[in-house]
Every structure is written in structure tokens, then in C-alpha cells.
N, C-alpha and C. Protein backbone atom coordinates (compact mmCIF):
# COMPACT_ATOMS: atom_id res chain seq x y z
N MET A 1 9.14 5.38 11.36
CA MET A 1 9.14 4.19 13.00
C MET A 1 8.52 2.88 12.77
N GLU A 2 9.78 2.28 12.71
CA GLU A 2 8.86 0.87 13.53
C GLU A 2 8.68 0.71 15.13
N ILE A 3 8.23 -0.14 14.74
CA ILE A 3 8.05 -0.27 16.16
C ILE A 3 8.32 -2.18 16.69
N PHE A 4 8.69 -2.88 17.45
CA PHE A 4 9.00 -3.99 17.33
C PHE A 4 9.25 -4.45 18.87
N PRO A 5 8.46 -5.51 19.33
CA PRO A 5 8.53 -5.70 20.31
C PRO A 5 9.92 -6.63 20.29
N LYS A 6 10.19 -6.36 22.03
CA LYS A 6 11.84 -7.10 22.71
C LYS A 6 10.77 -8.59 23.28
N LEU A 7 11.43 -9.59 22.56
CA LEU A 7 11.01 -11.39 23.63
C LEU A 7 11.94 -11.17 24.53
N ASN A 8 11.83 -11.64 25.64
CA ASN A 8 12.03 -12.22 26.80
C ASN A 8 11.99 -13.59 26.93
N LYS A 9 12.84 -14.38 26.19
CA LYS A 9 13.52 -15.97 26.65
C LYS A 9 12.95 -16.46 28.34
N GLN A 10 13.22 -16.10 29.20
CA GLN A 10 14.19 -15.84 30.17
C GLN A 10 12.06 -15.69 30.79
N LEU A 11 10.95 -15.15 30.62
CA LEU A 11 9.81 -15.19 31.15
C LEU A 11 9.12 -16.16 30.91
N ASN A 12 8.00 -15.85 31.60
CA ASN A 12 7.41 -17.59 31.74
C ASN A 12 5.99 -17.64 31.15
N GLU A 13 5.93 -16.62 30.08
CA GLU A 13 4.56 -16.07 29.20
C GLU A 13 5.33 -16.45 27.64
N PRO A 14 3.69 -16.71 27.56
CA PRO A 14 4.60 -17.69 25.61
C PRO A 14 4.87 -15.97 24.87
N PHE A 15 5.56 -15.94 23.91
CA PHE A 15 5.89 -15.17 23.25
C PHE A 15 4.43 -14.06 22.57
N TYR A 16 4.19 -14.80 22.21
CA TYR A 16 2.56 -13.99 21.97
C TYR A 16 2.24 -13.18 22.32
N VAL A 17 2.09 -13.21 23.95
CA VAL A 17 1.22 -12.99 25.34
C VAL A 17 2.70 -11.21 25.19
N GLN A 18 3.36 -11.58 24.94
CA GLN A 18 4.28 -10.49 25.08
C GLN A 18 4.79 -8.93 23.80
N GLN A 19 3.98 -10.07 22.62
CA GLN A 19 4.23 -9.23 21.62
C GLN A 19 2.44 -8.52 21.42
N TYR A 20 1.11 -9.69 22.29
CA TYR A 20 -0.04 -8.65 22.12
C TYR A 20 0.50 -7.25 23.97
N ASN A 21 0.82 -8.47 24.66
CA ASN A 21 1.39 -6.84 25.95
C ASN A 21 2.32 -5.36 24.88
N TYR A 22 3.24 -5.88 24.40
CA TYR A 22 3.46 -4.66 24.51
C TYR A 22 3.16 -3.73 22.61
N PHE A 23 2.39 -4.44 22.01
CA PHE A 23 1.86 -3.57 21.36
C PHE A 23 -0.05 -2.90 22.01
N ARG A 24 -0.50 -3.31 22.18
CA ARG A 24 -1.46 -2.87 23.53
C ARG A 24 -0.94 -1.80 24.47
N HIS A 25 0.61 -1.22 24.89
CA HIS A 25 0.81 -0.82 26.01
C HIS A 25 1.75 0.27 24.59
N GLU A 26 1.51 0.24 24.08
CA GLU A 26 2.48 0.96 22.37
C GLU A 26 0.68 1.57 21.79
N ILE A 27 -0.47 1.27 21.59
CA ILE A 27 -1.38 1.95 21.07
C ILE A 27 -2.32 2.39 22.08
N GLU A 28 -2.32 1.94 23.51
CA GLU A 28 -3.48 3.27 24.60
C GLU A 28 -2.21 3.89 25.04
N GLY A 29 -0.94 3.79 25.43
CA GLY A 29 0.31 4.63 25.57
C GLY A 29 0.19 6.05 24.56
N SER A 30 -0.33 5.94 23.13
CA SER A 30 -0.80 6.53 21.81
C SER A 30 0.54 6.86 21.20
N GLU A 31 2.01 5.37 21.86
CA GLU A 31 2.95 5.46 20.73
C GLU A 31 2.51 5.63 19.66
N PHE A 32 1.01 4.82 19.40
CA PHE A 32 1.56 4.80 17.54
C PHE A 32 0.34 5.55 17.08
N ASN A 33 0.94 6.08 16.35
CA ASN A 33 0.52 7.24 15.80
C ASN A 33 -0.89 7.22 14.43
N PRO A 34 -1.80 7.68 14.27
CA PRO A 34 -2.72 7.27 13.61
C PRO A 34 -1.43 7.70 12.26
N GLY A 35 -1.48 6.68 10.98
CA GLY A 35 -1.26 6.60 9.88
C GLY A 35 0.46 6.10 9.89
N MET A 36 0.80 5.09 11.20
CA MET A 36 1.09 3.88 11.21
C MET A 36 0.68 2.27 11.04
N HIS A 37 1.05 1.84 10.73
CA HIS A 37 1.30 0.53 10.47
C HIS A 37 1.98 -0.76 11.45
N LEU A 38 0.89 -1.44 11.30
CA LEU A 38 2.05 -2.81 12.33
C LEU A 38 2.85 -3.54 11.42
N PRO A 39 3.74 -3.74 12.06
CA PRO A 39 4.88 -4.75 10.69
C PRO A 39 4.09 -5.98 10.35
N SER A 40 4.00 -6.20 8.84
CA SER A 40 3.39 -7.46 8.09
C SER A 40 3.56 -9.27 9.45
N ILE A 41 2.74 -9.99 9.38
CA ILE A 41 3.25 -10.67 10.18
C ILE A 41 4.19 -11.68 9.56
N ARG A 42 4.80 -11.39 7.85
CA ARG A 42 5.36 -12.55 8.37
C ARG A 42 6.60 -11.68 7.98
N TYR A 43 7.00 -10.49 8.31
CA TYR A 43 8.33 -9.75 8.18
C TYR A 43 8.80 -9.88 9.97
N LEU A 44 7.34 -9.38 10.27
CA LEU A 44 7.56 -9.49 12.44
C LEU A 44 8.32 -10.84 12.60
N ALA A 45 7.68 -11.99 11.96
CA ALA A 45 7.89 -12.73 12.48
C ALA A 45 9.49 -13.54 12.26
N ASN A 46 9.77 -13.00 11.37
CA ASN A 46 11.48 -12.92 11.00
C ASN A 46 12.18 -12.09 11.71
N GLU A 47 11.77 -10.80 12.37
CA GLU A 47 12.44 -10.20 12.58
C GLU A 47 13.23 -10.14 14.09
N LEU A 48 11.42 -11.56 14.11
CA LEU A 48 12.07 -11.75 15.83
C LEU A 48 12.10 -12.89 16.15
N LYS A 49 12.92 -13.92 14.92
CA LYS A 49 12.93 -14.81 14.80
C LYS A 49 11.82 -15.91 15.75
N VAL A 50 10.36 -15.96 15.00
CA VAL A 50 9.29 -16.44 15.65
C VAL A 50 8.27 -17.06 14.18
N SER A 51 7.62 -18.07 14.36
CA SER A 51 6.65 -18.69 13.42
C SER A 51 5.79 -17.76 12.86
N ASN A 52 5.51 -17.33 11.90
CA ASN A 52 4.13 -16.46 12.01
C ASN A 52 2.71 -16.45 12.71
N THR A 53 2.91 -17.92 13.13
CA THR A 53 1.82 -18.20 14.17
C THR A 53 2.25 -17.29 15.28
N THR A 54 2.94 -17.46 15.82
CA THR A 54 3.46 -16.15 16.84
C THR A 54 3.21 -15.33 16.61
N VAL A 55 2.95 -14.88 15.41
CA VAL A 55 2.66 -12.79 15.20
C VAL A 55 1.20 -12.87 14.87
N LYS A 56 0.92 -14.07 14.62
CA LYS A 56 -1.08 -13.91 14.48
C LYS A 56 -1.76 -14.01 15.87
N MET A 57 -1.07 -15.01 16.25
CA MET A 57 -1.77 -15.08 17.29
C MET A 57 -2.23 -13.61 18.00
N ALA A 58 -0.83 -13.01 18.55
CA ALA A 58 -0.28 -12.06 19.01
C ALA A 58 -2.21 -10.86 18.60
N TYR A 59 -1.48 -10.74 17.07
CA TYR A 59 -2.09 -9.87 16.38
C TYR A 59 -4.16 -10.28 16.72
N LEU A 60 -4.46 -11.60 16.75
CA LEU A 60 -5.84 -11.79 16.54
C LEU A 60 -5.85 -11.54 18.12
N GLN A 61 -5.10 -11.68 18.96
CA GLN A 61 -5.62 -10.95 20.45
C GLN A 61 -5.65 -9.37 20.21
N LEU A 62 -5.30 -8.66 19.28
CA LEU A 62 -5.82 -6.99 19.92
C LEU A 62 -6.51 -7.08 19.32
N MET A 63 -6.74 -7.32 17.68
CA MET A 63 -8.62 -7.46 17.09
C MET A 63 -9.26 -7.80 18.13
N ALA A 64 -9.45 -8.51 18.83
CA ALA A 64 -10.55 -8.69 19.67
C ALA A 64 -11.05 -7.51 20.93
N ARG A 65 -9.78 -6.99 20.92
CA ARG A 65 -10.65 -5.55 21.81
C ARG A 65 -10.66 -4.12 21.10
N PRO A 66 -11.42 -3.36 21.68
CA PRO A 66 -11.71 -2.64 20.85
C PRO A 66 -11.15 -2.05 21.00
N ILE A 67 -10.14 -1.06 19.44
CA ILE A 67 -9.13 0.32 19.00
C ILE A 67 -9.77 1.14 18.90
N THR A 68 -8.49 2.06 18.09
CA THR A 68 -9.28 2.87 17.30
C THR A 68 -9.62 2.97 16.11
N CYS A 69 -10.27 3.34 15.03
CA CYS A 69 -10.73 3.26 13.84
C CYS A 69 -10.07 2.95 12.70
N PHE A 70 -8.63 3.34 13.15
CA PHE A 70 -7.69 3.42 11.97
C PHE A 70 -6.59 2.37 12.35
N LEU A 71 -6.49 1.44 13.77
CA LEU A 71 -6.20 -0.18 12.70
C LEU A 71 -7.20 -0.98 12.76
N LYS A 72 -8.68 -0.63 13.17
CA LYS A 72 -9.39 -1.94 12.95
C LYS A 72 -9.26 -2.29 11.23
N ARG A 73 -9.50 -0.84 10.61
CA ARG A 73 -9.21 -0.99 9.27
C ARG A 73 -8.03 -1.98 8.48
N HIS A 74 -6.55 -1.54 9.88
CA HIS A 74 -5.62 -2.09 8.97
C HIS A 74 -5.61 -3.77 9.76
N PHE A 75 -6.70 -3.85 10.88
CA PHE A 75 -6.27 -5.25 11.49
C PHE A 75 -7.07 -6.12 10.03
N GLN A 76 -8.43 -5.47 9.93
CA GLN A 76 -8.73 -6.25 8.54
C GLN A 76 -8.32 -6.28 7.86
N LYS A 77 -7.03 -5.83 6.78
CA LYS A 77 -6.44 -6.00 5.93
C LYS A 77 -5.44 -7.29 6.28
N LEU A 78 -5.08 -7.12 7.60
CA LEU A 78 -4.28 -8.63 8.42
C LEU A 78 -4.99 -9.80 8.29
N ILE A 79 -6.42 -9.83 9.17
CA ILE A 79 -7.46 -10.79 8.87
C ILE A 79 -7.21 -11.00 7.64
N ASP A 80 -7.54 -10.79 6.51
CA ASP A 80 -7.56 -11.16 5.15
C ASP A 80 -6.99 -12.16 5.15
N SER A 81 -5.39 -11.57 5.55
CA SER A 81 -4.85 -11.93 4.57
C SER A 81 -3.86 -13.33 5.90
N ILE A 82 -4.81 -13.71 6.75
CA ILE A 82 -4.24 -15.01 7.48
C ILE A 82 -5.48 -15.71 7.52
N SER A 83 -6.05 -16.06 6.82
CA SER A 83 -7.98 -16.12 5.87
C SER A 83 -7.48 -16.97 5.30
């Protein structure tokens, strides 16, 4: 199962904040099960028709929050690819 935020251009909220809020809600609501992976930065940016930087910003915001161990390991792979 893939999870994708739906971005609303009419909101007065940047896309990266919308993505962050979506993923935070999915993680905190236990919709994101162990073993699931976030989409890659490039893939998600392409699907949402936004820049890679927008997705990176959302992922970096998520990394700043205390999250479960399996997500931290996955985020470390993402941050290594950002650098």
C-alpha cells in the first residue's frame, strides 16, 4: 500500500507543510505499519507534481520529531540520499 498526501492549492499552507501534516497524521494514527516505507523523494515529487526540495523539506520536518525506530532507520537512508 502506498500513501500519498493530497495537496490543496487553495489552502494558505505551503505544500511541504501539507505533506508533513499528512504523514504525521498517518504515523501517529498508526496507519503507517512496521515494514512500510515512505515513497522516495523523487518518486513522491513526481507523483505530486512538486519539486524534490518540497518533499525533502517535508521529510526533514518529520525527522525532527520523535518517531518510532523503524521510521528513524528509514529516514536515515533518506537523509543520506539528500546529502
